[in-house]
Amino acid sequence: MSQELSDLAEAIIAYQKKYDKTDGEMAFGSRVSVERFHAIKTGELDPTSDEQSSLKSFISTKP
């Protein structure tokens, strides 16, 4: 099954590539569990509004 990535997932992936960040580093920095972070990134789970805000805030900053 082919599924388009959400804008947030695409932004997360671009940030990870640009700054060489692992899922664990991203989850820790955005205060989202690694399991939920990975599920959000792969499109298996829709983030809560708090998670979405936290992730957007994290990726809008430079390491």
C-alpha atoms as a PDB file:
ATOM      1  CA  MET A   1       0.000   0.000   0.000  1.00  0.00           C
ATOM      2  CA  SER A   2       1.424   3.358  -1.030  1.00  0.00           C
ATOM      3  CA  GLN A   3       0.804   6.242   1.331  1.00  0.00           C
ATOM      4  CA  GLU A   4       1.876   9.837   0.987  1.00  0.00           C
ATOM      5  CA  LEU A   5       3.893  11.272   3.828  1.00  0.00           C
ATOM      6  CA  SER A   6       2.378  14.120   5.787  1.00  0.00           C
ATOM      7  CA  ASP A   7       3.993  17.527   5.607  1.00  0.00           C
ATOM      8  CA  LEU A   8       5.186  17.051   9.186  1.00  0.00           C
ATOM      9  CA  ALA A   9       6.756  13.665   8.395  1.00  0.00           C
ATOM     10  CA  GLU A  10       8.499  15.129   5.354  1.00  0.00           C
ATOM     11  CA  ALA A  11       9.813  18.032   7.452  1.00  0.00           C
ATOM     12  CA  ILE A  12      11.069  15.601  10.098  1.00  0.00           C
ATOM     13  CA  ILE A  13      12.889  13.484   7.520  1.00  0.00           C
ATOM     14  CA  ALA A  14      14.438  16.540   5.862  1.00  0.00           C
ATOM     15  CA  TYR A  15      15.638  17.819   9.250  1.00  0.00           C
ATOM     16  CA  GLN A  16      17.115  14.436  10.141  1.00  0.00           C
ATOM     17  CA  LYS A  17      18.989  14.247   6.859  1.00  0.00           C
ATOM     18  CA  LYS A  18      20.252  17.818   7.078  1.00  0.00           C
ATOM     19  CA  TYR A  19      21.481  17.585  10.673  1.00  0.00           C
ATOM     20  CA  ASP A  20      22.220  13.820  10.813  1.00  0.00           C
ATOM     21  CA  LYS A  21      19.820  13.138  13.700  1.00  0.00           C
ATOM     22  CA  THR A  22      18.544   9.712  14.750  1.00  0.00           C
ATOM     23  CA  ASP A  23      14.955   8.946  15.698  1.00  0.00           C
ATOM     24  CA  GLY A  24      16.095   8.683  19.321  1.00  0.00           C
ATOM     25  CA  GLU A  25      17.718  12.119  19.274  1.00  0.00           C
ATOM     26  CA  MET A  26      14.649  13.614  17.632  1.00  0.00           C
ATOM     27  CA  ALA A  27      12.270  11.960  20.092  1.00  0.00           C
ATOM     28  CA  PHE A  28      14.331  13.026  23.103  1.00  0.00           C
ATOM     29  CA  GLY A  29      14.673  16.596  21.834  1.00  0.00           C
ATOM     30  CA  SER A  30      10.977  16.958  21.094  1.00  0.00           C
ATOM     31  CA  ARG A  31       9.871  15.066  24.227  1.00  0.00           C
ATOM     32  CA  VAL A  32       7.922  12.463  22.259  1.00  0.00           C
ATOM     33  CA  SER A  33       8.442   8.755  22.941  1.00  0.00           C
ATOM     34  CA  VAL A  34      10.609   6.993  20.370  1.00  0.00           C
ATOM     35  CA  GLU A  35       7.775   4.609  19.533  1.00  0.00           C
ATOM     36  CA  ARG A  36       5.297   7.416  18.906  1.00  0.00           C
ATOM     37  CA  PHE A  37       7.898   9.473  17.034  1.00  0.00           C
ATOM     38  CA  HIS A  38       8.635   6.601  14.671  1.00  0.00           C
ATOM     39  CA  ALA A  39       4.922   5.917  14.111  1.00  0.00           C
ATOM     40  CA  ILE A  40       4.285   9.614  13.373  1.00  0.00           C
ATOM     41  CA  LYS A  41       7.235   9.745  10.988  1.00  0.00           C
ATOM     42  CA  THR A  42       6.089   6.660   9.084  1.00  0.00           C
ATOM     43  CA  GLY A  43       2.470   7.804   8.940  1.00  0.00           C
ATOM     44  CA  GLU A  44       1.136   4.981  11.114  1.00  0.00           C
ATOM     45  CA  LEU A  45      -0.091   7.425  13.749  1.00  0.00           C
ATOM     46  CA  ASP A  46      -1.477  10.943  13.720  1.00  0.00           C
ATOM     47  CA  PRO A  47       0.250  13.155  16.290  1.00  0.00           C
ATOM     48  CA  THR A  48      -1.714  14.832  19.046  1.00  0.00           C
ATOM     49  CA  SER A  49      -1.802  18.617  18.882  1.00  0.00           C
ATOM     50  CA  ASP A  50       0.826  18.763  21.655  1.00  0.00           C
ATOM     51  CA  GLU A  51       3.110  16.334  19.813  1.00  0.00           C
ATOM     52  CA  GLN A  52       2.659  18.220  16.575  1.00  0.00           C
ATOM     53  CA  SER A  53       3.528  21.530  18.251  1.00  0.00           C
ATOM     54  CA  SER A  54       6.536  20.016  19.994  1.00  0.00           C
ATOM     55  CA  LEU A  55       7.869  18.427  16.802  1.00  0.00           C
ATOM     56  CA  LYS A  56       7.344  21.576  14.729  1.00  0.00           C
ATOM     57  CA  SER A  57       9.080  23.648  17.373  1.00  0.00           C
ATOM     58  CA  PHE A  58      12.015  21.238  17.483  1.00  0.00           C
ATOM     59  CA  ILE A  59      12.527  21.131  13.713  1.00  0.00           C
ATOM     60  CA  SER A  60      12.265  24.894  13.415  1.00  0.00           C
ATOM     61  CA  THR A  61      15.445  25.283  15.492  1.00  0.00           C
ATOM     62  CA  LYS A  62      19.002  24.553  14.451  1.00  0.00           C
ATOM     63  CA  PRO A  63      20.981  22.076  16.568  1.00  0.00           C
END
